[in-house]
Amino acid sequence: MKNTKSEVSQQNANEVSKQGFGKEEIIIRENIAETPFQIITVKDESFGVMGEYRVTEQLSSAKKVKEELKKITWNRIVQVMMIMKNIDEKITNKIEKE
Protein backbone atom coordinates (compact mmCIF):
# COMPACT_ATOMS: atom_id res chain seq x y z
CA MET A 1 0.00 0.00 0.00
CA LYS A 2 1.40 3.40 -1.01
CA ASN A 3 1.62 6.24 1.47
CA THR A 4 -0.07 9.53 0.70
CA LYS A 5 2.02 12.64 0.24
CA SER A 6 1.00 14.02 3.67
CA GLU A 7 1.86 10.70 5.37
CA VAL A 8 5.32 10.73 3.76
CA SER A 9 5.84 14.36 4.86
CA GLN A 10 4.83 13.48 8.41
CA GLN A 11 7.18 10.47 8.41
CA ASN A 12 10.02 12.69 7.17
CA ALA A 13 9.29 15.25 9.89
CA ASN A 14 9.29 12.52 12.52
CA GLU A 15 12.61 11.15 11.23
CA VAL A 16 14.19 14.61 11.38
CA SER A 17 12.97 15.05 14.95
CA LYS A 18 14.38 11.68 15.97
CA GLN A 19 17.73 12.44 14.36
CA GLY A 20 18.06 15.76 16.16
CA PHE A 21 18.17 18.05 13.15
CA GLY A 22 15.89 20.52 14.93
CA LYS A 23 18.74 21.72 17.16
CA GLU A 24 19.65 24.74 15.04
CA GLU A 25 19.71 28.12 16.71
CA ILE A 26 16.51 30.07 16.30
CA ILE A 27 17.04 33.71 15.45
CA ILE A 28 14.20 36.13 16.18
CA ARG A 29 14.14 39.55 14.49
CA GLU A 30 11.88 42.25 15.87
CA ASN A 31 11.44 45.64 14.20
CA ILE A 32 11.18 48.63 16.50
CA ALA A 33 8.39 50.86 15.22
CA GLU A 34 9.34 54.31 13.97
CA THR A 35 13.08 53.58 14.20
CA PRO A 36 15.70 52.14 11.82
CA PHE A 37 16.54 49.48 14.42
CA GLN A 38 15.80 45.81 14.92
CA ILE A 39 16.31 43.52 17.89
CA ILE A 40 18.03 40.20 17.22
CA THR A 41 17.49 37.46 19.80
CA VAL A 42 19.53 34.26 19.77
CA LYS A 43 19.00 31.83 22.63
CA ASP A 44 18.55 34.01 25.72
CA GLU A 45 20.54 37.01 24.56
CA SER A 46 19.43 40.00 22.49
CA PHE A 47 21.18 42.91 20.81
CA GLY A 48 20.21 45.84 18.62
CA VAL A 49 21.14 46.32 14.98
CA MET A 50 20.70 48.84 12.22
CA GLY A 51 20.81 46.92 8.97
CA GLU A 52 23.91 44.75 9.14
CA TYR A 53 25.52 46.88 11.86
CA ARG A 54 25.32 46.01 15.54
CA VAL A 55 24.61 49.04 17.75
CA THR A 56 24.20 47.62 21.27
CA GLU A 57 25.88 45.16 23.55
CA GLN A 58 24.24 41.79 24.16
CA LEU A 59 21.64 42.07 26.88
CA SER A 60 19.56 39.51 28.74
CA SER A 61 16.22 40.48 27.16
CA ALA A 62 14.71 42.08 24.08
CA LYS A 63 12.85 44.50 26.35
CA LYS A 64 16.14 45.89 27.72
CA VAL A 65 17.52 46.28 24.19
CA LYS A 66 14.36 48.08 23.08
CA GLU A 67 14.64 50.50 26.01
CA GLU A 68 18.30 51.11 25.14
CA LEU A 69 17.56 51.75 21.46
CA LYS A 70 14.72 54.16 22.20
CA LYS A 71 17.14 56.43 24.09
CA ILE A 72 18.35 59.24 21.87
CA THR A 73 21.87 59.95 23.05
CA TRP A 74 24.82 61.65 21.39
CA ASN A 75 26.53 58.29 21.19
CA ARG A 76 23.56 56.78 19.32
CA ILE A 77 23.41 59.78 16.97
CA VAL A 78 27.11 59.39 16.13
CA GLN A 79 26.63 55.63 15.62
CA VAL A 80 23.78 56.20 13.17
CA MET A 81 25.76 58.87 11.30
CA MET A 82 28.78 56.58 10.97
CA ILE A 83 26.59 53.70 9.77
CA MET A 84 24.96 55.95 7.18
CA LYS A 85 28.40 57.15 6.03
CA ASN A 86 29.59 53.56 5.70
CA ILE A 87 26.47 52.56 3.72
CA ASP A 88 26.93 55.58 1.44
CA GLU A 89 30.57 54.60 0.80
CA LYS A 90 29.56 51.02 -0.06
CA ILE A 91 26.93 52.27 -2.52
CA THR A 92 29.36 54.76 -4.08
CA ASN A 93 32.07 52.08 -4.45
CA LYS A 94 29.58 49.67 -6.03
CA ILE A 95 28.43 52.31 -8.54
CA GLU A 96 32.05 53.20 -9.43
CA LYS A 97 32.89 49.54 -10.12
CA GLU A 98 29.99 49.22 -12.58
C-alpha atoms as a PDB file:
ATOM      1  CA  MET A   1       0.000   0.000   0.000  1.00  0.00           C
ATOM      2  CA  LYS A   2       1.396   3.402  -1.009  1.00  0.00           C
ATOM      3  CA  ASN A   3       1.625   6.241   1.467  1.00  0.00           C
ATOM      4  CA  THR A   4      -0.075   9.528   0.697  1.00  0.00           C
ATOM      5  CA  LYS A   5       2.019  12.639   0.245  1.00  0.00           C
ATOM      6  CA  SER A   6       1.002  14.023   3.672  1.00  0.00           C
ATOM      7  CA  GLU A   7       1.863  10.703   5.369  1.00  0.00           C
ATOM      8  CA  VAL A   8       5.317  10.729   3.763  1.00  0.00           C
ATOM      9  CA  SER A   9       5.843  14.360   4.860  1.00  0.00           C
ATOM     10  CA  GLN A  10       4.830  13.476   8.412  1.00  0.00           C
ATOM     11  CA  GLN A  11       7.181  10.466   8.411  1.00  0.00           C
ATOM     12  CA  ASN A  12      10.025  12.694   7.167  1.00  0.00           C
ATOM     13  CA  ALA A  13       9.287  15.252   9.890  1.00  0.00           C
ATOM     14  CA  ASN A  14       9.293  12.516  12.524  1.00  0.00           C
ATOM     15  CA  GLU A  15      12.614  11.150  11.230  1.00  0.00           C
ATOM     16  CA  VAL A  16      14.186  14.610  11.375  1.00  0.00           C
ATOM     17  CA  SER A  17      12.965  15.051  14.953  1.00  0.00           C
ATOM     18  CA  LYS A  18      14.379  11.677  15.974  1.00  0.00           C
ATOM     19  CA  GLN A  19      17.734  12.442  14.356  1.00  0.00           C
ATOM     20  CA  GLY A  20      18.058  15.761  16.157  1.00  0.00           C
ATOM     21  CA  PHE A  21      18.166  18.052  13.151  1.00  0.00           C
ATOM     22  CA  GLY A  22      15.892  20.518  14.935  1.00  0.00           C
ATOM     23  CA  LYS A  23      18.739  21.722  17.161  1.00  0.00           C
ATOM     24  CA  GLU A  24      19.651  24.737  15.038  1.00  0.00           C
ATOM     25  CA  GLU A  25      19.711  28.123  16.708  1.00  0.00           C
ATOM     26  CA  ILE A  26      16.509  30.068  16.297  1.00  0.00           C
ATOM     27  CA  ILE A  27      17.041  33.715  15.454  1.00  0.00           C
ATOM     28  CA  ILE A  28      14.200  36.129  16.182  1.00  0.00           C
ATOM     29  CA  ARG A  29      14.140  39.555  14.490  1.00  0.00           C
ATOM     30  CA  GLU A  30      11.875  42.255  15.866  1.00  0.00           C
ATOM     31  CA  ASN A  31      11.441  45.636  14.200  1.00  0.00           C
ATOM     32  CA  ILE A  32      11.176  48.625  16.497  1.00  0.00           C
ATOM     33  CA  ALA A  33       8.389  50.856  15.217  1.00  0.00           C
ATOM     34  CA  GLU A  34       9.341  54.305  13.973  1.00  0.00           C
ATOM     35  CA  THR A  35      13.082  53.576  14.196  1.00  0.00           C
ATOM     36  CA  PRO A  36      15.703  52.144  11.822  1.00  0.00           C
ATOM     37  CA  PHE A  37      16.545  49.481  14.419  1.00  0.00           C
ATOM     38  CA  GLN A  38      15.804  45.806  14.917  1.00  0.00           C
ATOM     39  CA  ILE A  39      16.313  43.520  17.890  1.00  0.00           C
ATOM     40  CA  ILE A  40      18.028  40.204  17.225  1.00  0.00           C
ATOM     41  CA  THR A  41      17.487  37.463  19.805  1.00  0.00           C
ATOM     42  CA  VAL A  42      19.527  34.263  19.766  1.00  0.00           C
ATOM     43  CA  LYS A  43      18.998  31.832  22.626  1.00  0.00           C
ATOM     44  CA  ASP A  44      18.552  34.005  25.718  1.00  0.00           C
ATOM     45  CA  GLU A  45      20.544  37.013  24.555  1.00  0.00           C
ATOM     46  CA  SER A  46      19.433  40.001  22.489  1.00  0.00           C
ATOM     47  CA  PHE A  47      21.184  42.914  20.809  1.00  0.00           C
ATOM     48  CA  GLY A  48      20.209  45.843  18.619  1.00  0.00           C
ATOM     49  CA  VAL A  49      21.137  46.321  14.980  1.00  0.00           C
ATOM     50  CA  MET A  50      20.702  48.843  12.223  1.00  0.00           C
ATOM     51  CA  GLY A  51      20.808  46.923   8.970  1.00  0.00           C
ATOM     52  CA  GLU A  52      23.907  44.751   9.144  1.00  0.00           C
ATOM     53  CA  TYR A  53      25.519  46.877  11.858  1.00  0.00           C
ATOM     54  CA  ARG A  54      25.319  46.010  15.539  1.00  0.00           C
ATOM     55  CA  VAL A  55      24.613  49.036  17.750  1.00  0.00           C
ATOM     56  CA  THR A  56      24.202  47.623  21.273  1.00  0.00           C
ATOM     57  CA  GLU A  57      25.876  45.156  23.551  1.00  0.00           C
ATOM     58  CA  GLN A  58      24.244  41.789  24.157  1.00  0.00           C
ATOM     59  CA  LEU A  59      21.641  42.074  26.876  1.00  0.00           C
ATOM     60  CA  SER A  60      19.559  39.509  28.739  1.00  0.00           C
ATOM     61  CA  SER A  61      16.220  40.475  27.161  1.00  0.00           C
ATOM     62  CA  ALA A  62      14.712  42.079  24.079  1.00  0.00           C
ATOM     63  CA  LYS A  63      12.849  44.499  26.350  1.00  0.00           C
ATOM     64  CA  LYS A  64      16.137  45.890  27.719  1.00  0.00           C
ATOM     65  CA  VAL A  65      17.516  46.284  24.195  1.00  0.00           C
ATOM     66  CA  LYS A  66      14.357  48.077  23.085  1.00  0.00           C
ATOM     67  CA  GLU A  67      14.644  50.499  26.013  1.00  0.00           C
ATOM     68  CA  GLU A  68      18.303  51.109  25.136  1.00  0.00           C
ATOM     69  CA  LEU A  69      17.560  51.746  21.460  1.00  0.00           C
ATOM     70  CA  LYS A  70      14.724  54.159  22.204  1.00  0.00           C
ATOM     71  CA  LYS A  71      17.141  56.433  24.091  1.00  0.00           C
ATOM     72  CA  ILE A  72      18.347  59.241  21.867  1.00  0.00           C
ATOM     73  CA  THR A  73      21.874  59.950  23.054  1.00  0.00           C
ATOM     74  CA  TRP A  74      24.821  61.652  21.388  1.00  0.00           C
ATOM     75  CA  ASN A  75      26.535  58.287  21.193  1.00  0.00           C
ATOM     76  CA  ARG A  76      23.565  56.778  19.324  1.00  0.00           C
ATOM     77  CA  ILE A  77      23.411  59.775  16.972  1.00  0.00           C
ATOM     78  CA  VAL A  78      27.107  59.389  16.127  1.00  0.00           C
ATOM     79  CA  GLN A  79      26.631  55.626  15.621  1.00  0.00           C
ATOM     80  CA  VAL A  80      23.782  56.196  13.169  1.00  0.00           C
ATOM     81  CA  MET A  81      25.755  58.874  11.302  1.00  0.00           C
ATOM     82  CA  MET A  82      28.781  56.578  10.974  1.00  0.00           C
ATOM     83  CA  ILE A  83      26.594  53.695   9.773  1.00  0.00           C
ATOM     84  CA  MET A  84      24.958  55.951   7.184  1.00  0.00           C
ATOM     85  CA  LYS A  85      28.397  57.147   6.027  1.00  0.00           C
ATOM     86  CA  ASN A  86      29.586  53.561   5.698  1.00  0.00           C
ATOM     87  CA  ILE A  87      26.469  52.556   3.724  1.00  0.00           C
ATOM     88  CA  ASP A  88      26.933  55.585   1.442  1.00  0.00           C
ATOM     89  CA  GLU A  89      30.572  54.597   0.803  1.00  0.00           C
ATOM     90  CA  LYS A  90      29.559  51.023  -0.062  1.00  0.00           C
ATOM     91  CA  ILE A  91      26.930  52.269  -2.521  1.00  0.00           C
ATOM     92  CA  THR A  92      29.357  54.759  -4.080  1.00  0.00           C
ATOM     93  CA  ASN A  93      32.073  52.083  -4.449  1.00  0.00           C
ATOM     94  CA  LYS A  94      29.584  49.674  -6.032  1.00  0.00           C
ATOM     95  CA  ILE A  95      28.428  52.313  -8.540  1.00  0.00           C
ATOM     96  CA  GLU A  96      32.045  53.202  -9.427  1.00  0.00           C
ATOM     97  CA  LYS A  97      32.887  49.540 -10.115  1.00  0.00           C
ATOM     98  CA  GLU A  98      29.989  49.218 -12.582  1.00  0.00           C
END
